Amino acid sequence: MAKLKQIQRLLYIAELLTSKPKGITYAETKGFLETKFEEKGFELKFSGKNFKRDRNLIADILGIESKYKKNFRHFCF
């Protein structure tokens, strides 16, 4: 079940990124995931560490690298 939740998080983050081409913040991502997981009846366990791990997986699997923009305080993919 843990892997299913991780895959679901990655898919939701990819969905969020397509709707926000200028980038996303950790707070936006967490809020979006909380909403999506509640809709599915899942419990969300998400932290900054998960966010970093998910960004790395998105880069490895999808080939989409992320960069932090200090001026805007968000990650752009």
Protein backbone atom coordinates (compact mmCIF):
# COMPACT_ATOMS: atom_id res chain seq x y z
CA MET A 1 0.00 0.00 0.00
CA ALA A 2 2.89 2.36 0.70
CA LYS A 3 4.15 2.11 -2.89
CA LEU A 4 0.64 2.77 -4.19
CA LYS A 5 0.47 5.97 -2.14
CA GLN A 6 3.89 7.03 -3.39
CA ILE A 7 2.90 6.45 -7.02
CA GLN A 8 -0.33 8.33 -6.40
CA ARG A 9 1.64 11.26 -4.92
CA LEU A 10 3.92 11.36 -7.96
CA LEU A 11 0.95 11.38 -10.33
CA TYR A 12 -0.78 14.13 -8.37
CA ILE A 13 2.39 16.24 -8.26
CA ALA A 14 2.74 15.82 -12.04
CA GLU A 15 -0.91 16.91 -12.39
CA LEU A 16 -0.26 19.98 -10.23
CA LEU A 17 2.84 20.87 -12.22
CA THR A 18 0.95 20.84 -15.50
CA SER A 19 -1.57 23.28 -14.04
CA LYS A 20 1.16 25.56 -12.60
CA PRO A 21 3.93 25.93 -15.19
CA LYS A 22 5.59 28.76 -13.23
CA GLY A 23 6.29 26.43 -10.33
CA ILE A 24 4.90 25.14 -7.05
CA THR A 25 5.66 25.61 -3.40
CA TYR A 26 5.86 22.91 -0.78
CA ALA A 27 2.74 24.37 0.90
CA GLU A 28 0.78 24.33 -2.38
CA THR A 29 1.85 20.78 -3.04
CA LYS A 30 0.93 19.59 0.44
CA GLY A 31 -2.50 21.26 0.28
CA PHE A 32 -3.19 19.83 -3.16
CA LEU A 33 -2.16 16.34 -2.06
CA GLU A 34 -4.26 16.55 1.11
CA THR A 35 -7.34 17.37 -0.97
CA LYS A 36 -6.69 14.62 -3.50
CA PHE A 37 -5.95 11.98 -0.85
CA GLU A 38 -9.10 12.91 1.10
CA GLU A 39 -11.14 12.46 -2.09
CA LYS A 40 -9.72 8.93 -2.46
CA GLY A 41 -10.14 8.09 1.23
CA PHE A 42 -6.39 7.77 1.80
CA GLU A 43 -4.42 9.18 4.70
CA LEU A 44 -1.64 11.48 3.55
CA LYS A 45 1.76 11.25 5.19
CA PHE A 46 3.82 13.97 3.53
CA SER A 47 6.81 15.96 4.72
CA GLY A 48 9.61 18.03 3.30
CA LYS A 49 11.64 14.84 3.11
CA ASN A 50 8.92 13.17 1.01
CA PHE A 51 8.79 16.24 -1.23
CA LYS A 52 12.52 16.05 -1.86
CA ARG A 53 12.35 12.30 -2.51
CA ASP A 54 9.39 12.75 -4.86
CA ARG A 55 11.21 15.49 -6.79
CA ASN A 56 14.17 13.16 -7.23
CA LEU A 57 11.91 10.33 -8.42
CA ILE A 58 10.17 12.62 -10.89
CA ALA A 59 13.59 13.56 -12.24
CA ASP A 60 14.70 9.90 -12.46
CA ILE A 61 11.49 8.47 -13.87
CA LEU A 62 10.09 11.32 -15.97
CA GLY A 63 13.33 13.14 -16.69
CA ILE A 64 11.94 16.38 -15.27
CA GLU A 65 14.49 18.23 -13.16
CA SER A 66 13.45 20.76 -10.50
CA LYS A 67 15.14 23.95 -9.45
CA TYR A 68 14.43 26.15 -6.46
CA LYS A 69 13.85 29.83 -7.29
CA LYS A 70 14.71 31.90 -4.23
CA ASN A 71 13.03 35.04 -5.56
CA PHE A 72 9.68 33.27 -5.76
CA ARG A 73 10.31 30.64 -3.05
CA HIS A 74 9.02 27.76 -5.12
CA PHE A 75 10.24 24.86 -7.21
CA CYS A 76 10.08 24.97 -10.98
CA PHE A 77 10.23 21.84 -13.03
